[in-house]
Amino acid sequence: MELEKVIWETAAAVLCKERAEAPAFAERQARAALDEGDVVGHGRWLSVVEAICELVRPPDEEDTLN
């Protein structure tokens, strides 16, 4: 659960700093981790990429707001 929180916090921070370039930035970080042989870091950065994409995704008609 803590790792998921860190991933979402990282995604939000990268999005605030990098704005429209956030997904590309996170993808570069994932690639760099893999190039360094850091498989765990690669996976975590890929999770950050997914979280960023979810944060910027426009709502669907089926999405509900409370």
PDB file of N, CA and C in Angstrom:
ATOM      1  N   MET A   1       0.820  -1.186   0.000  1.00  0.00           N
ATOM      2  CA  MET A   1       0.000   0.000   0.000  1.00  0.00           C
ATOM      3  C   MET A   1       0.868   1.255   0.000  1.00  0.00           C
ATOM      4  N   GLU A   2       1.947   1.254   0.751  1.00  0.00           N
ATOM      5  CA  GLU A   2       2.838   2.417   0.808  1.00  0.00           C
ATOM      6  C   GLU A   2       3.463   2.696  -0.557  1.00  0.00           C
ATOM      7  N   LEU A   3       3.853   1.647  -1.276  1.00  0.00           N
ATOM      8  CA  LEU A   3       4.456   1.833  -2.593  1.00  0.00           C
ATOM      9  C   LEU A   3       3.466   2.489  -3.548  1.00  0.00           C
ATOM     10  N   GLU A   4       2.212   2.087  -3.489  1.00  0.00           N
ATOM     11  CA  GLU A   4       1.200   2.689  -4.354  1.00  0.00           C
ATOM     12  C   GLU A   4       1.061   4.181  -4.056  1.00  0.00           C
ATOM     13  N   LYS A   5       1.096   4.545  -2.793  1.00  0.00           N
ATOM     14  CA  LYS A   5       1.019   5.953  -2.402  1.00  0.00           C
ATOM     15  C   LYS A   5       2.209   6.725  -2.964  1.00  0.00           C
ATOM     16  N   VAL A   6       3.392   6.145  -2.867  1.00  0.00           N
ATOM     17  CA  VAL A   6       4.604   6.792  -3.384  1.00  0.00           C
ATOM     18  C   VAL A   6       4.511   6.973  -4.896  1.00  0.00           C
ATOM     19  N   ILE A   7       3.997   5.973  -5.585  1.00  0.00           N
ATOM     20  CA  ILE A   7       3.856   6.062  -7.044  1.00  0.00           C
ATOM     21  C   ILE A   7       2.927   7.216  -7.416  1.00  0.00           C
ATOM     22  N   TRP A   8       1.768   7.314  -6.761  1.00  0.00           N
ATOM     23  CA  TRP A   8       0.823   8.389  -7.063  1.00  0.00           C
ATOM     24  C   TRP A   8       1.384   9.759  -6.688  1.00  0.00           C
ATOM     25  N   GLU A   9       2.098   9.831  -5.569  1.00  0.00           N
ATOM     26  CA  GLU A   9       2.716  11.101  -5.173  1.00  0.00           C
ATOM     27  C   GLU A   9       3.800  11.511  -6.171  1.00  0.00           C
ATOM     28  N   THR A  10       4.577  10.544  -6.619  1.00  0.00           N
ATOM     29  CA  THR A  10       5.618  10.819  -7.614  1.00  0.00           C
ATOM     30  C   THR A  10       4.978  11.286  -8.915  1.00  0.00           C
ATOM     31  N   ALA A  11       3.927  10.606  -9.335  1.00  0.00           N
ATOM     32  CA  ALA A  11       3.230  10.990 -10.565  1.00  0.00           C
ATOM     33  C   ALA A  11       2.713  12.421 -10.467  1.00  0.00           C
ATOM     34  N   ALA A  12       2.124  12.762  -9.344  1.00  0.00           N
ATOM     35  CA  ALA A  12       1.592  14.120  -9.166  1.00  0.00           C
ATOM     36  C   ALA A  12       2.714  15.152  -9.179  1.00  0.00           C
ATOM     37  N   ALA A  13       3.828  14.843  -8.528  1.00  0.00           N
ATOM     38  CA  ALA A  13       4.964  15.772  -8.480  1.00  0.00           C
ATOM     39  C   ALA A  13       5.571  15.967  -9.871  1.00  0.00           C
ATOM     40  N   VAL A  14       5.745  14.872 -10.606  1.00  0.00           N
ATOM     41  CA  VAL A  14       6.299  14.964 -11.963  1.00  0.00           C
ATOM     42  C   VAL A  14       5.351  15.756 -12.853  1.00  0.00           C
ATOM     43  N   LEU A  15       4.074  15.526 -12.708  1.00  0.00           N
ATOM     44  CA  LEU A  15       3.081  16.246 -13.504  1.00  0.00           C
ATOM     45  C   LEU A  15       3.118  17.746 -13.202  1.00  0.00           C
ATOM     46  N   CYS A  16       3.248  18.103 -11.943  1.00  0.00           N
ATOM     47  CA  CYS A  16       3.319  19.527 -11.572  1.00  0.00           C
ATOM     48  C   CYS A  16       4.573  20.182 -12.137  1.00  0.00           C
ATOM     49  N   LYS A  17       5.677  19.454 -12.098  1.00  0.00           N
ATOM     50  CA  LYS A  17       6.943  20.037 -12.543  1.00  0.00           C
ATOM     51  C   LYS A  17       7.093  20.035 -14.061  1.00  0.00           C
ATOM     52  N   GLU A  18       6.752  18.921 -14.685  1.00  0.00           N
ATOM     53  CA  GLU A  18       7.013  18.735 -16.113  1.00  0.00           C
ATOM     54  C   GLU A  18       5.822  19.069 -17.011  1.00  0.00           C
ATOM     55  N   ARG A  19       4.648  19.166 -16.408  1.00  0.00           N
ATOM     56  CA  ARG A  19       3.411  19.483 -17.134  1.00  0.00           C
ATOM     57  C   ARG A  19       3.178  18.541 -18.321  1.00  0.00           C
ATOM     58  N   ALA A  20       3.066  19.062 -19.525  1.00  0.00           N
ATOM     59  CA  ALA A  20       2.754  18.245 -20.704  1.00  0.00           C
ATOM     60  C   ALA A  20       3.845  17.237 -21.018  1.00  0.00           C
ATOM     61  N   GLU A  21       5.055  17.485 -20.546  1.00  0.00           N
ATOM     62  CA  GLU A  21       6.176  16.575 -20.808  1.00  0.00           C
ATOM     63  C   GLU A  21       6.289  15.467 -19.760  1.00  0.00           C
ATOM     64  N   ALA A  22       5.375  15.438 -18.798  1.00  0.00           N
ATOM     65  CA  ALA A  22       5.460  14.484 -17.697  1.00  0.00           C
ATOM     66  C   ALA A  22       5.515  13.021 -18.147  1.00  0.00           C
ATOM     67  N   PRO A  23       4.635  12.577 -19.054  1.00  0.00           N
ATOM     68  CA  PRO A  23       4.733  11.175 -19.469  1.00  0.00           C
ATOM     69  C   PRO A  23       6.077  10.850 -20.123  1.00  0.00           C
ATOM     70  N   ALA A  24       6.555  11.722 -20.985  1.00  0.00           N
ATOM     71  CA  ALA A  24       7.837  11.492 -21.658  1.00  0.00           C
ATOM     72  C   ALA A  24       8.980  11.489 -20.652  1.00  0.00           C
ATOM     73  N   PHE A  25       8.928  12.383 -19.667  1.00  0.00           N
ATOM     74  CA  PHE A  25       9.962  12.433 -18.638  1.00  0.00           C
ATOM     75  C   PHE A  25      10.006  11.117 -17.873  1.00  0.00           C
ATOM     76  N   ALA A  26       8.839  10.646 -17.431  1.00  0.00           N
ATOM     77  CA  ALA A  26       8.781   9.398 -16.666  1.00  0.00           C
ATOM     78  C   ALA A  26       9.226   8.205 -17.511  1.00  0.00           C
ATOM     79  N   GLU A  27       8.882   8.209 -18.790  1.00  0.00           N
ATOM     80  CA  GLU A  27       9.333   7.134 -19.681  1.00  0.00           C
ATOM     81  C   GLU A  27      10.857   7.144 -19.824  1.00  0.00           C
ATOM     82  N   ARG A  28      11.455   8.336 -19.895  1.00  0.00           N
ATOM     83  CA  ARG A  28      12.915   8.432 -19.961  1.00  0.00           C
ATOM     84  C   ARG A  28      13.562   7.905 -18.675  1.00  0.00           C
ATOM     85  N   GLN A  29      12.926   8.206 -17.549  1.00  0.00           N
ATOM     86  CA  GLN A  29      13.433   7.707 -16.270  1.00  0.00           C
ATOM     87  C   GLN A  29      13.370   6.173 -16.234  1.00  0.00           C
ATOM     88  N   ALA A  30      12.282   5.619 -16.740  1.00  0.00           N
ATOM     89  CA  ALA A  30      12.133   4.161 -16.779  1.00  0.00           C
ATOM     90  C   ALA A  30      13.198   3.544 -17.673  1.00  0.00           C
ATOM     91  N   ARG A  31      13.426   4.145 -18.825  1.00  0.00           N
ATOM     92  CA  ARG A  31      14.432   3.651 -19.757  1.00  0.00           C
ATOM     93  C   ARG A  31      15.834   3.737 -19.150  1.00  0.00           C
ATOM     94  N   ALA A  32      16.111   4.841 -18.465  1.00  0.00           N
ATOM     95  CA  ALA A  32      17.420   5.016 -17.834  1.00  0.00           C
ATOM     96  C   ALA A  32      17.641   3.971 -16.742  1.00  0.00           C
ATOM     97  N   ALA A  33      16.610   3.695 -15.969  1.00  0.00           N
ATOM     98  CA  ALA A  33      16.724   2.674 -14.928  1.00  0.00           C
ATOM     99  C   ALA A  33      17.033   1.314 -15.546  1.00  0.00           C
ATOM    100  N   LEU A  34      16.337   0.982 -16.613  1.00  0.00           N
ATOM    101  CA  LEU A  34      16.566  -0.296 -17.283  1.00  0.00           C
ATOM    102  C   LEU A  34      17.979  -0.358 -17.865  1.00  0.00           C
ATOM    103  N   ASP A  35      18.428   0.746 -18.466  1.00  0.00           N
ATOM    104  CA  ASP A  35      19.779   0.790 -19.024  1.00  0.00           C
ATOM    105  C   ASP A  35      20.842   0.566 -17.948  1.00  0.00           C
ATOM    106  N   GLU A  36      20.533   0.975 -16.709  1.00  0.00           N
ATOM    107  CA  GLU A  36      21.456   0.795 -15.590  1.00  0.00           C
ATOM    108  C   GLU A  36      21.293  -0.573 -14.929  1.00  0.00           C
ATOM    109  N   GLY A  37      20.373  -1.373 -15.453  1.00  0.00           N
ATOM    110  CA  GLY A  37      20.148  -2.702 -14.892  1.00  0.00           C
ATOM    111  C   GLY A  37      19.231  -2.710 -13.685  1.00  0.00           C
ATOM    112  N   ASP A  38      18.565  -1.601 -13.429  1.00  0.00           N
ATOM    113  CA  ASP A  38      17.662  -1.482 -12.288  1.00  0.00           C
ATOM    114  C   ASP A  38      16.253  -1.879 -12.723  1.00  0.00           C
ATOM    115  N   VAL A  39      15.978  -3.164 -12.655  1.00  0.00           N
ATOM    116  CA  VAL A  39      14.692  -3.686 -13.112  1.00  0.00           C
ATOM    117  C   VAL A  39      13.560  -3.217 -12.206  1.00  0.00           C
ATOM    118  N   VAL A  40      13.807  -3.151 -10.909  1.00  0.00           N
ATOM    119  CA  VAL A  40      12.779  -2.694  -9.972  1.00  0.00           C
ATOM    120  C   VAL A  40      12.450  -1.224 -10.236  1.00  0.00           C
ATOM    121  N   GLY A  41      13.477  -0.402 -10.380  1.00  0.00           N
ATOM    122  CA  GLY A  41      13.263   1.007 -10.682  1.00  0.00           C
ATOM    123  C   GLY A  41      12.530   1.200 -11.998  1.00  0.00           C
ATOM    124  N   HIS A  42      12.879   0.376 -12.975  1.00  0.00           N
ATOM    125  CA  HIS A  42      12.195   0.427 -14.275  1.00  0.00           C
ATOM    126  C   HIS A  42      10.702   0.186 -14.092  1.00  0.00           C
ATOM    127  N   GLY A  43      10.368  -0.854 -13.357  1.00  0.00           N
ATOM    128  CA  GLY A  43       8.958  -1.169 -13.118  1.00  0.00           C
ATOM    129  C   GLY A  43       8.230  -0.078 -12.365  1.00  0.00           C
ATOM    130  N   ARG A  44       8.907   0.520 -11.405  1.00  0.00           N
ATOM    131  CA  ARG A  44       8.269   1.595 -10.638  1.00  0.00           C
ATOM    132  C   ARG A  44       8.029   2.826 -11.506  1.00  0.00           C
ATOM    133  N   TRP A  45       9.001   3.158 -12.358  1.00  0.00           N
ATOM    134  CA  TRP A  45       8.802   4.302 -13.248  1.00  0.00           C
ATOM    135  C   TRP A  45       7.702   4.023 -14.259  1.00  0.00           C
ATOM    136  N   LEU A  46       7.581   2.776 -14.705  1.00  0.00           N
ATOM    137  CA  LEU A  46       6.464   2.448 -15.602  1.00  0.00           C
ATOM    138  C   LEU A  46       5.130   2.628 -14.886  1.00  0.00           C
ATOM    139  N   SER A  47       5.102   2.302 -13.606  1.00  0.00           N
ATOM    140  CA  SER A  47       3.888   2.530 -12.815  1.00  0.00           C
ATOM    141  C   SER A  47       3.591   4.021 -12.695  1.00  0.00           C
ATOM    142  N   VAL A  48       4.631   4.826 -12.572  1.00  0.00           N
ATOM    143  CA  VAL A  48       4.456   6.283 -12.528  1.00  0.00           C
ATOM    144  C   VAL A  48       3.890   6.778 -13.858  1.00  0.00           C
ATOM    145  N   VAL A  49       4.391   6.237 -14.962  1.00  0.00           N
ATOM    146  CA  VAL A  49       3.862   6.611 -16.281  1.00  0.00           C
ATOM    147  C   VAL A  49       2.363   6.318 -16.334  1.00  0.00           C
ATOM    148  N   GLU A  50       1.960   5.139 -15.898  1.00  0.00           N
ATOM    149  CA  GLU A  50       0.544   4.770 -15.906  1.00  0.00           C
ATOM    150  C   GLU A  50      -0.277   5.708 -15.030  1.00  0.00           C
ATOM    151  N   ALA A  51       0.263   6.055 -13.871  1.00  0.00           N
ATOM    152  CA  ALA A  51      -0.452   6.949 -12.957  1.00  0.00           C
ATOM    153  C   ALA A  51      -0.601   8.336 -13.576  1.00  0.00           C
ATOM    154  N   ILE A  52       0.441   8.834 -14.217  1.00  0.00           N
ATOM    155  CA  ILE A  52       0.366  10.146 -14.879  1.00  0.00           C
ATOM    156  C   ILE A  52      -0.720  10.111 -15.953  1.00  0.00           C
ATOM    157  N   CYS A  53      -0.721   9.063 -16.740  1.00  0.00           N
ATOM    158  CA  CYS A  53      -1.725   8.947 -17.804  1.00  0.00           C
ATOM    159  C   CYS A  53      -3.138   8.914 -17.228  1.00  0.00           C
ATOM    160  N   GLU A  54      -3.295   8.280 -16.089  1.00  0.00           N
ATOM    161  CA  GLU A  54      -4.610   8.236 -15.446  1.00  0.00           C
ATOM    162  C   GLU A  54      -4.996   9.617 -14.910  1.00  0.00           C
ATOM    163  N   LEU A  55      -4.024  10.342 -14.372  1.00  0.00           N
ATOM    164  CA  LEU A  55      -4.308  11.669 -13.828  1.00  0.00           C
ATOM    165  C   LEU A  55      -4.721  12.673 -14.911  1.00  0.00           C
ATOM    166  N   VAL A  56      -4.199  12.518 -16.105  1.00  0.00           N
ATOM    167  CA  VAL A  56      -4.522  13.475 -17.167  1.00  0.00           C
ATOM    168  C   VAL A  56      -5.632  12.986 -18.090  1.00  0.00           C
ATOM    169  N   ARG A  57      -6.103  11.773 -17.858  1.00  0.00           N
ATOM    170  CA  ARG A  57      -7.165  11.197 -18.689  1.00  0.00           C
ATOM    171  C   ARG A  57      -8.455  11.980 -18.506  1.00  0.00           C
ATOM    172  N   PRO A  58      -9.092  12.364 -19.625  1.00  0.00           N
ATOM    173  CA  PRO A  58     -10.398  13.034 -19.490  1.00  0.00           C
ATOM    174  C   PRO A  58     -11.442  12.040 -18.989  1.00  0.00           C
ATOM    175  N   PRO A  59     -12.411  12.512 -18.235  1.00  0.00           N
ATOM    176  CA  PRO A  59     -13.426  11.596 -17.705  1.00  0.00           C
ATOM    177  C   PRO A  59     -14.285  11.007 -18.820  1.00  0.00           C
ATOM    178  N   ASP A  60     -14.675   9.764 -18.615  1.00  0.00           N
ATOM    179  CA  ASP A  60     -15.624   9.110 -19.525  1.00  0.00           C
ATOM    180  C   ASP A  60     -17.036   9.488 -19.095  1.00  0.00           C
ATOM    181  N   GLU A  61     -17.970   9.258 -19.988  1.00  0.00           N
ATOM    182  CA  GLU A  61     -19.363   9.511 -19.639  1.00  0.00           C
ATOM    183  C   GLU A  61     -19.817   8.628 -18.496  1.00  0.00           C
ATOM    184  N   GLU A  62     -19.216   7.453 -18.373  1.00  0.00           N
ATOM    185  CA  GLU A  62     -19.608   6.515 -17.319  1.00  0.00           C
ATOM    186  C   GLU A  62     -18.998   6.856 -15.972  1.00  0.00           C
ATOM    187  N   ASP A  63     -17.990   7.730 -15.941  1.00  0.00           N
ATOM    188  CA  ASP A  63     -17.391   8.124 -14.684  1.00  0.00           C
ATOM    189  C   ASP A  63     -18.401   8.915 -13.863  1.00  0.00           C
ATOM    190  N   THR A  64     -18.420   8.663 -12.577  1.00  0.00           N
ATOM    191  CA  THR A  64     -19.326   9.402 -11.702  1.00  0.00           C
ATOM    192  C   THR A  64     -18.516  10.251 -10.746  1.00  0.00           C
ATOM    193  N   LEU A  65     -19.052  11.383 -10.424  1.00  0.00           N
ATOM    194  CA  LEU A  65     -18.436  12.276  -9.455  1.00  0.00           C
ATOM    195  C   LEU A  65     -19.324  12.329  -8.235  1.00  0.00           C
ATOM    196  N   ASN A  66     -18.722  12.256  -7.083  1.00  0.00           N
ATOM    197  CA  ASN A  66     -19.514  12.343  -5.838  1.00  0.00           C
ATOM    198  C   ASN A  66     -19.354  13.718  -5.243  1.00  0.00           C
TER     199      ASN A  66
END
